[in-house]
Amino acid sequence: MKILAAVLLFALCCCGCRQAARSTGDFADVKPDGLAEDALGAMLSAYPPAKTRLALLHPADDAFGAGLTEALRGNGYAVAEYAAPARAISRTDAPPPDGLEFAYILD
């Protein structure tokens, strides 16, 4: 019985570590239609379009990220999407992205 409890505890800990590995992106279980528009409104009030270049720091491979980048581009922002480096390098060795860095966490 103690062995079964230890195995279950270990399995739960591993599942938690698996979820913690991804720290940016969309974790919500809702449709992000209005959220992308709200985020766009905040960007419009803080940064002028057609004068601001944005650099996304992670892949926008979720519905919110795709909608946000499309909306930003549609309103005149230049958005550089994340491109994984060809080889593994540390963050300090990487060249700076071209534009104002931004990332999102949708929880």
Protein backbone atom coordinates (compact mmCIF):
# COMPACT_ATOMS: atom_id res chain seq x y z
CA MET A 1 0.00 0.00 0.00
CA LYS A 2 2.84 2.40 0.83
CA ILE A 3 4.50 1.59 -2.48
CA LEU A 4 1.28 2.37 -4.38
CA ALA A 5 0.95 5.69 -2.55
CA ALA A 6 4.59 6.56 -3.34
CA VAL A 7 4.11 5.70 -7.02
CA LEU A 8 0.95 7.84 -7.23
CA LEU A 9 2.68 10.76 -5.52
CA PHE A 10 5.62 10.48 -7.92
CA ALA A 11 3.25 10.39 -10.92
CA LEU A 12 1.42 13.51 -9.72
CA CYS A 13 4.71 15.34 -9.22
CA CYS A 14 5.81 14.43 -12.74
CA CYS A 15 2.53 15.74 -14.18
CA GLY A 16 3.04 19.02 -12.34
CA CYS A 17 6.57 19.36 -13.72
CA ARG A 18 5.28 18.70 -17.22
CA GLN A 19 2.80 21.57 -16.95
CA ALA A 20 5.35 23.95 -15.43
CA ALA A 21 7.74 23.52 -18.37
CA ARG A 22 5.66 25.84 -20.57
CA SER A 23 5.61 29.27 -18.98
CA THR A 24 4.17 31.49 -21.72
CA GLY A 25 1.23 31.24 -24.04
CA ASP A 26 -2.46 30.44 -23.73
CA PHE A 27 -3.60 28.25 -20.82
CA ALA A 28 -7.26 29.31 -20.86
CA ASP A 29 -10.08 27.02 -21.85
CA VAL A 30 -12.20 29.85 -23.27
CA LYS A 31 -12.46 31.31 -26.74
CA PRO A 32 -10.11 34.30 -26.92
CA ASP A 33 -12.13 36.40 -29.41
CA GLY A 34 -12.76 39.38 -27.13
CA LEU A 35 -9.50 38.99 -25.23
CA ALA A 36 -7.38 39.66 -28.30
CA GLU A 37 -9.42 42.80 -29.01
CA ASP A 38 -8.94 43.97 -25.41
CA ALA A 39 -5.19 43.35 -25.65
CA LEU A 40 -5.12 45.26 -28.93
CA GLY A 41 -6.90 48.19 -27.28
CA ALA A 42 -4.29 48.25 -24.51
CA MET A 43 -1.46 48.19 -27.06
CA LEU A 44 -3.10 50.98 -29.08
CA SER A 45 -3.32 53.19 -26.00
CA ALA A 46 0.29 52.53 -24.96
CA TYR A 47 2.20 52.35 -28.26
CA PRO A 48 1.47 54.21 -31.51
CA PRO A 49 0.87 51.98 -34.55
CA ALA A 50 3.02 52.44 -37.65
CA LYS A 51 5.83 53.66 -35.36
CA THR A 52 6.17 50.63 -33.11
CA ARG A 53 7.87 47.36 -33.97
CA LEU A 54 6.99 44.42 -31.74
CA ALA A 55 8.98 41.22 -31.22
CA LEU A 56 7.10 38.22 -29.83
CA LEU A 57 9.31 36.22 -27.45
CA HIS A 58 7.60 32.84 -27.92
CA PRO A 59 5.64 31.03 -30.64
CA ALA A 60 2.08 32.28 -31.14
CA ASP A 61 0.78 28.80 -31.88
CA ASP A 62 -2.51 29.18 -30.01
CA ALA A 63 -5.80 30.87 -30.91
CA PHE A 64 -5.16 33.96 -28.78
CA GLY A 65 -1.65 34.52 -30.15
CA ALA A 66 -2.74 34.08 -33.75
CA GLY A 67 -5.67 36.45 -33.27
CA LEU A 68 -3.54 39.03 -31.48
CA THR A 69 -0.75 39.08 -34.07
CA GLU A 70 -3.31 39.32 -36.88
CA ALA A 71 -5.11 42.19 -35.12
CA LEU A 72 -1.85 44.01 -34.38
CA ARG A 73 -0.73 43.76 -38.00
CA GLY A 74 -4.17 44.84 -39.21
CA ASN A 75 -3.85 48.02 -37.13
CA GLY A 76 -0.40 48.99 -38.41
CA TYR A 77 2.06 47.29 -36.07
CA ALA A 78 5.08 45.45 -37.39
CA VAL A 79 5.19 42.14 -35.52
CA ALA A 80 8.28 39.93 -35.65
CA GLU A 81 7.22 36.41 -34.73
CA TYR A 82 9.40 34.13 -32.64
CA ALA A 83 12.01 32.18 -34.53
CA ALA A 84 13.82 29.43 -32.65
CA PRO A 85 17.60 29.75 -32.85
CA ALA A 86 19.38 27.35 -35.19
CA ARG A 87 21.51 26.08 -32.32
CA ALA A 88 21.08 26.09 -28.58
CA ILE A 89 22.40 29.36 -27.18
CA SER A 90 21.80 31.11 -23.91
CA ARG A 91 19.53 34.14 -23.68
CA THR A 92 22.53 36.39 -23.02
CA ASP A 93 24.33 35.20 -26.17
CA ALA A 94 21.33 35.63 -28.45
CA PRO A 95 21.13 38.77 -30.59
CA PRO A 96 18.45 41.19 -29.39
CA PRO A 97 15.12 40.93 -31.21
CA ASP A 98 14.26 43.66 -33.68
CA GLY A 99 11.56 45.60 -31.87
CA LEU A 100 9.86 46.02 -28.52
CA GLU A 101 9.86 42.62 -26.81
CA PHE A 102 6.53 41.26 -25.61
CA ALA A 103 5.08 37.98 -24.40
CA TYR A 104 1.74 36.91 -22.96
CA ILE A 105 0.33 34.44 -20.49
CA LEU A 106 -3.38 33.79 -20.81
CA ASP A 107 -4.56 31.83 -17.80
